[in-house]
PDB file of N, CA and C in Angstrom:
ATOM      1  N   MET A   1      13.537  -5.619  -4.316  1.00  0.00           N
ATOM      2  CA  MET A   1      12.602  -6.211  -5.613  1.00  0.00           C
ATOM      3  C   MET A   1      11.628  -7.659  -5.561  1.00  0.00           C
ATOM      4  N   PRO A   2      11.045  -7.502  -6.212  1.00  0.00           N
ATOM      5  CA  PRO A   2      10.138  -8.739  -5.956  1.00  0.00           C
ATOM      6  C   PRO A   2      10.786  -9.939  -6.739  1.00  0.00           C
ATOM      7  N   SER A   3      10.647 -11.102  -6.886  1.00  0.00           N
ATOM      8  CA  SER A   3      11.582 -12.208  -7.060  1.00  0.00           C
ATOM      9  C   SER A   3       9.842 -13.066  -8.018  1.00  0.00           C
ATOM     10  N   HIS A   4      10.415 -13.537  -8.900  1.00  0.00           N
ATOM     11  CA  HIS A   4       8.950 -14.734  -9.369  1.00  0.00           C
ATOM     12  C   HIS A   4       8.584 -15.629  -8.077  1.00  0.00           C
ATOM     13  N   LYS A   5       9.691 -16.173  -7.390  1.00  0.00           N
ATOM     14  CA  LYS A   5       9.499 -16.574  -6.139  1.00  0.00           C
ATOM     15  C   LYS A   5       8.505 -16.002  -5.372  1.00  0.00           C
ATOM     16  N   GLU A   6       8.557 -14.696  -4.801  1.00  0.00           N
ATOM     17  CA  GLU A   6       7.486 -14.180  -4.215  1.00  0.00           C
ATOM     18  C   GLU A   6       6.406 -13.739  -4.426  1.00  0.00           C
ATOM     19  N   ILE A   7       6.314 -13.468  -6.234  1.00  0.00           N
ATOM     20  CA  ILE A   7       4.335 -13.216  -6.639  1.00  0.00           C
ATOM     21  C   ILE A   7       4.113 -15.159  -6.742  1.00  0.00           C
ATOM     22  N   GLU A   8       4.943 -16.201  -6.851  1.00  0.00           N
ATOM     23  CA  GLU A   8       4.475 -17.472  -6.736  1.00  0.00           C
ATOM     24  C   GLU A   8       3.946 -17.638  -5.290  1.00  0.00           C
ATOM     25  N   GLN A   9       4.409 -17.381  -3.994  1.00  0.00           N
ATOM     26  CA  GLN A   9       4.092 -17.626  -2.985  1.00  0.00           C
ATOM     27  C   GLN A   9       2.797 -16.941  -2.675  1.00  0.00           C
ATOM     28  N   ARG A  10       2.616 -15.405  -3.180  1.00  0.00           N
ATOM     29  CA  ARG A  10       0.963 -14.841  -2.831  1.00  0.00           C
ATOM     30  C   ARG A  10       0.165 -15.028  -4.070  1.00  0.00           C
ATOM     31  N   LEU A  11       0.369 -16.086  -5.024  1.00  0.00           N
ATOM     32  CA  LEU A  11      -0.361 -16.221  -5.804  1.00  0.00           C
ATOM     33  C   LEU A  11      -0.997 -17.591  -6.380  1.00  0.00           C
ATOM     34  N   GLY A  12      -0.014 -18.113  -5.771  1.00  0.00           N
ATOM     35  CA  GLY A  12       0.310 -19.703  -5.837  1.00  0.00           C
ATOM     36  C   GLY A  12       1.009 -19.929  -7.267  1.00  0.00           C
ATOM     37  N   VAL A  13       0.834 -19.509  -8.451  1.00  0.00           N
ATOM     38  CA  VAL A  13       1.242 -19.684  -9.544  1.00  0.00           C
ATOM     39  C   VAL A  13       2.144 -18.040 -10.001  1.00  0.00           C
ATOM     40  N   VAL A  14       2.599 -17.926 -11.502  1.00  0.00           N
ATOM     41  CA  VAL A  14       3.460 -16.762 -11.568  1.00  0.00           C
ATOM     42  C   VAL A  14       2.747 -16.879 -13.079  1.00  0.00           C
ATOM     43  N   PRO A  15       1.905 -15.598 -13.064  1.00  0.00           N
ATOM     44  CA  PRO A  15       1.042 -15.312 -14.079  1.00  0.00           C
ATOM     45  C   PRO A  15       1.913 -14.834 -15.170  1.00  0.00           C
ATOM     46  N   ASN A  16       1.715 -15.006 -16.477  1.00  0.00           N
ATOM     47  CA  ASN A  16       2.465 -14.720 -17.729  1.00  0.00           C
ATOM     48  C   ASN A  16       2.509 -13.160 -17.437  1.00  0.00           C
ATOM     49  N   PHE A  17       1.538 -12.271 -17.110  1.00  0.00           N
ATOM     50  CA  PHE A  17       1.726 -11.049 -17.168  1.00  0.00           C
ATOM     51  C   PHE A  17       3.211 -10.397 -16.560  1.00  0.00           C
ATOM     52  N   PHE A  18       3.688 -11.435 -15.523  1.00  0.00           N
ATOM     53  CA  PHE A  18       4.813 -10.774 -14.948  1.00  0.00           C
ATOM     54  C   PHE A  18       6.166 -11.605 -15.549  1.00  0.00           C
ATOM     55  N   TRP A  19       5.957 -12.318 -16.125  1.00  0.00           N
ATOM     56  CA  TRP A  19       7.245 -12.955 -17.432  1.00  0.00           C
ATOM     57  C   TRP A  19       7.285 -12.313 -18.643  1.00  0.00           C
ATOM     58  N   LEU A  20       6.403 -11.174 -18.883  1.00  0.00           N
ATOM     59  CA  LEU A  20       6.994 -10.311 -19.980  1.00  0.00           C
ATOM     60  C   LEU A  20       8.010  -9.290 -19.625  1.00  0.00           C
ATOM     61  N   ALA A  21       8.336  -8.952 -18.483  1.00  0.00           N
ATOM     62  CA  ALA A  21       9.146  -8.086 -17.962  1.00  0.00           C
ATOM     63  C   ALA A  21      10.132  -8.810 -17.333  1.00  0.00           C
ATOM     64  N   SER A  22      10.728  -9.438 -17.732  1.00  0.00           N
ATOM     65  CA  SER A  22      11.501 -10.933 -16.602  1.00  0.00           C
ATOM     66  C   SER A  22      13.142 -10.276 -16.640  1.00  0.00           C
ATOM     67  N   ASN A  23      13.040 -10.019 -17.878  1.00  0.00           N
ATOM     68  CA  ASN A  23      14.514  -9.207 -17.972  1.00  0.00           C
ATOM     69  C   ASN A  23      14.935  -7.884 -17.482  1.00  0.00           C
ATOM     70  N   THR A  24      13.576  -7.145 -16.967  1.00  0.00           N
ATOM     71  CA  THR A  24      14.051  -5.667 -16.011  1.00  0.00           C
ATOM     72  C   THR A  24      13.001  -6.178 -15.098  1.00  0.00           C
ATOM     73  N   PRO A  25      13.998  -6.347 -14.019  1.00  0.00           N
ATOM     74  CA  PRO A  25      13.612  -6.378 -12.478  1.00  0.00           C
ATOM     75  C   PRO A  25      12.836  -5.147 -12.329  1.00  0.00           C
ATOM     76  N   GLU A  26      12.956  -3.558 -12.722  1.00  0.00           N
ATOM     77  CA  GLU A  26      12.414  -2.648 -12.154  1.00  0.00           C
ATOM     78  C   GLU A  26      10.897  -2.546 -12.359  1.00  0.00           C
ATOM     79  N   ILE A  27      10.805  -3.144 -14.190  1.00  0.00           N
ATOM     80  CA  ILE A  27       9.167  -3.216 -14.548  1.00  0.00           C
ATOM     81  C   ILE A  27       8.393  -4.066 -14.027  1.00  0.00           C
ATOM     82  N   THR A  28       8.896  -5.617 -13.546  1.00  0.00           N
ATOM     83  CA  THR A  28       8.087  -6.668 -12.850  1.00  0.00           C
ATOM     84  C   THR A  28       8.225  -5.581 -11.274  1.00  0.00           C
ATOM     85  N   MET A  29       8.998  -4.704 -10.750  1.00  0.00           N
ATOM     86  CA  MET A  29       8.757  -4.797  -9.251  1.00  0.00           C
ATOM     87  C   MET A  29       7.247  -3.552  -9.497  1.00  0.00           C
ATOM     88  N   ASN A  30       7.318  -2.829 -10.183  1.00  0.00           N
ATOM     89  CA  ASN A  30       6.118  -1.527 -10.504  1.00  0.00           C
ATOM     90  C   ASN A  30       4.783  -2.680 -10.797  1.00  0.00           C
ATOM     91  N   LEU A  31       4.769  -3.974 -12.250  1.00  0.00           N
ATOM     92  CA  LEU A  31       3.430  -4.261 -11.808  1.00  0.00           C
ATOM     93  C   LEU A  31       3.324  -5.059 -10.907  1.00  0.00           C
ATOM     94  N   TRP A  32       3.874  -5.389  -9.987  1.00  0.00           N
ATOM     95  CA  TRP A  32       3.754  -6.346  -8.818  1.00  0.00           C
ATOM     96  C   TRP A  32       3.245  -5.189  -7.765  1.00  0.00           C
ATOM     97  N   GLY A  33       3.661  -4.281  -7.745  1.00  0.00           N
ATOM     98  CA  GLY A  33       3.372  -3.284  -6.743  1.00  0.00           C
ATOM     99  C   GLY A  33       1.873  -2.758  -7.330  1.00  0.00           C
ATOM    100  N   PHE A  34       1.673  -2.582  -8.462  1.00  0.00           N
ATOM    101  CA  PHE A  34       0.266  -2.134  -9.173  1.00  0.00           C
ATOM    102  C   PHE A  34      -0.603  -3.273  -8.710  1.00  0.00           C
ATOM    103  N   ALA A  35      -0.336  -4.731  -8.960  1.00  0.00           N
ATOM    104  CA  ALA A  35      -1.122  -5.368  -8.694  1.00  0.00           C
ATOM    105  C   ALA A  35      -1.610  -6.049  -7.151  1.00  0.00           C
ATOM    106  N   LYS A  36      -0.362  -5.988  -6.364  1.00  0.00           N
ATOM    107  CA  LYS A  36      -0.870  -5.622  -4.899  1.00  0.00           C
ATOM    108  C   LYS A  36      -1.855  -4.538  -4.489  1.00  0.00           C
ATOM    109  N   PHE A  37      -1.419  -3.308  -4.482  1.00  0.00           N
ATOM    110  CA  PHE A  37      -2.047  -2.191  -4.181  1.00  0.00           C
ATOM    111  C   PHE A  37      -3.641  -2.402  -4.954  1.00  0.00           C
ATOM    112  N   ALA A  38      -4.056  -2.515  -6.323  1.00  0.00           N
ATOM    113  CA  ALA A  38      -5.089  -2.491  -7.207  1.00  0.00           C
ATOM    114  C   ALA A  38      -5.831  -3.530  -6.653  1.00  0.00           C
ATOM    115  N   TYR A  39      -5.556  -4.699  -6.434  1.00  0.00           N
ATOM    116  CA  TYR A  39      -6.396  -5.748  -5.987  1.00  0.00           C
ATOM    117  C   TYR A  39      -6.005  -6.329  -4.843  1.00  0.00           C
ATOM    118  N   LEU A  40      -5.200  -7.058  -4.637  1.00  0.00           N
ATOM    119  CA  LEU A  40      -4.753  -7.782  -3.522  1.00  0.00           C
ATOM    120  C   LEU A  40      -5.018  -7.481  -2.125  1.00  0.00           C
ATOM    121  N   ASP A  41      -4.036  -6.073  -1.591  1.00  0.00           N
ATOM    122  CA  ASP A  41      -4.348  -5.502  -0.790  1.00  0.00           C
ATOM    123  C   ASP A  41      -5.369  -4.364  -0.770  1.00  0.00           C
ATOM    124  N   SER A  42      -6.260  -3.849  -1.654  1.00  0.00           N
ATOM    125  CA  SER A  42      -6.977  -3.299  -1.613  1.00  0.00           C
ATOM    126  C   SER A  42      -8.104  -3.143  -0.574  1.00  0.00           C
ATOM    127  N   PRO A  43      -8.723  -2.133  -0.131  1.00  0.00           N
ATOM    128  CA  PRO A  43      -9.439  -1.834   1.316  1.00  0.00           C
ATOM    129  C   PRO A  43     -10.840  -2.651   0.648  1.00  0.00           C
ATOM    130  N   LEU A  44     -11.122  -1.793  -0.686  1.00  0.00           N
ATOM    131  CA  LEU A  44     -12.349  -2.531  -1.466  1.00  0.00           C
ATOM    132  C   LEU A  44     -12.565  -3.570  -1.617  1.00  0.00           C
ATOM    133  N   PRO A  45     -13.730  -4.034  -1.264  1.00  0.00           N
ATOM    134  CA  PRO A  45     -14.365  -5.659  -1.776  1.00  0.00           C
ATOM    135  C   PRO A  45     -14.162  -5.432  -3.423  1.00  0.00           C
ATOM    136  N   SER A  46     -13.944  -6.707  -4.010  1.00  0.00           N
ATOM    137  CA  SER A  46     -13.582  -6.662  -5.214  1.00  0.00           C
ATOM    138  C   SER A  46     -14.523  -6.178  -6.124  1.00  0.00           C
ATOM    139  N   LEU A  47     -15.816  -6.688  -5.646  1.00  0.00           N
ATOM    140  CA  LEU A  47     -17.214  -6.503  -6.603  1.00  0.00           C
ATOM    141  C   LEU A  47     -17.270  -4.753  -6.732  1.00  0.00           C
ATOM    142  N   SER A  48     -16.925  -4.105  -5.755  1.00  0.00           N
ATOM    143  CA  SER A  48     -16.757  -2.937  -5.169  1.00  0.00           C
ATOM    144  C   SER A  48     -16.207  -2.032  -6.471  1.00  0.00           C
ATOM    145  N   GLY A  49     -15.088  -2.663  -6.363  1.00  0.00           N
ATOM    146  CA  GLY A  49     -13.885  -2.012  -7.621  1.00  0.00           C
ATOM    147  C   GLY A  49     -14.748  -2.545  -8.842  1.00  0.00           C
ATOM    148  N   LEU A  50     -14.579  -3.104  -9.006  1.00  0.00           N
ATOM    149  CA  LEU A  50     -15.468  -3.915 -10.458  1.00  0.00           C
ATOM    150  C   LEU A  50     -16.358  -2.915 -10.985  1.00  0.00           C
ATOM    151  N   THR A  51     -17.001  -2.595  -9.966  1.00  0.00           N
ATOM    152  CA  THR A  51     -18.682  -1.628 -10.302  1.00  0.00           C
ATOM    153  C   THR A  51     -18.111  -0.436 -10.674  1.00  0.00           C
ATOM    154  N   GLN A  52     -17.080   0.055 -10.036  1.00  0.00           N
ATOM    155  CA  GLN A  52     -16.396   1.544 -10.281  1.00  0.00           C
ATOM    156  C   GLN A  52     -16.116   1.555 -11.276  1.00  0.00           C
ATOM    157  N   LEU A  53     -15.127   0.490 -11.742  1.00  0.00           N
ATOM    158  CA  LEU A  53     -14.709   0.737 -13.098  1.00  0.00           C
ATOM    159  C   LEU A  53     -15.386   0.567 -14.273  1.00  0.00           C
ATOM    160  N   ALA A  54     -16.766  -0.223 -14.310  1.00  0.00           N
ATOM    161  CA  ALA A  54     -17.436  -0.567 -15.070  1.00  0.00           C
ATOM    162  C   ALA A  54     -18.596   1.256 -15.070  1.00  0.00           C
ATOM    163  N   GLN A  55     -18.366   1.944 -13.966  1.00  0.00           N
ATOM    164  CA  GLN A  55     -19.256   2.987 -13.963  1.00  0.00           C
ATOM    165  C   GLN A  55     -18.159   4.250 -14.740  1.00  0.00           C
ATOM    166  N   CYS A  56     -16.999   3.999 -14.519  1.00  0.00           N
ATOM    167  CA  CYS A  56     -15.714   4.700 -15.031  1.00  0.00           C
ATOM    168  C   CYS A  56     -15.598   4.592 -17.044  1.00  0.00           C
ATOM    169  N   ASP A  57     -16.251   3.281 -17.070  1.00  0.00           N
ATOM    170  CA  ASP A  57     -16.195   3.023 -18.412  1.00  0.00           C
ATOM    171  C   ASP A  57     -17.351   3.518 -19.454  1.00  0.00           C
ATOM    172  N   ARG A  58     -18.580   3.838 -18.365  1.00  0.00           N
ATOM    173  CA  ARG A  58     -19.606   4.440 -19.679  1.00  0.00           C
ATOM    174  C   ARG A  58     -19.237   5.555 -20.213  1.00  0.00           C
TER     175      ARG A  58
END
């Protein structure tokens, strides 16, 4: 399970988003996994992902 220390090492800080579920490690793990998959480790360039999200929003 990720700890706030792991998140801080990767991002430099622990965003408030991850403190919301600090009492439930399973939720923190899922949030961190989603953030890594969708934003940090995504093979798509960040602008491409934002463009696709904007297209889906229309």
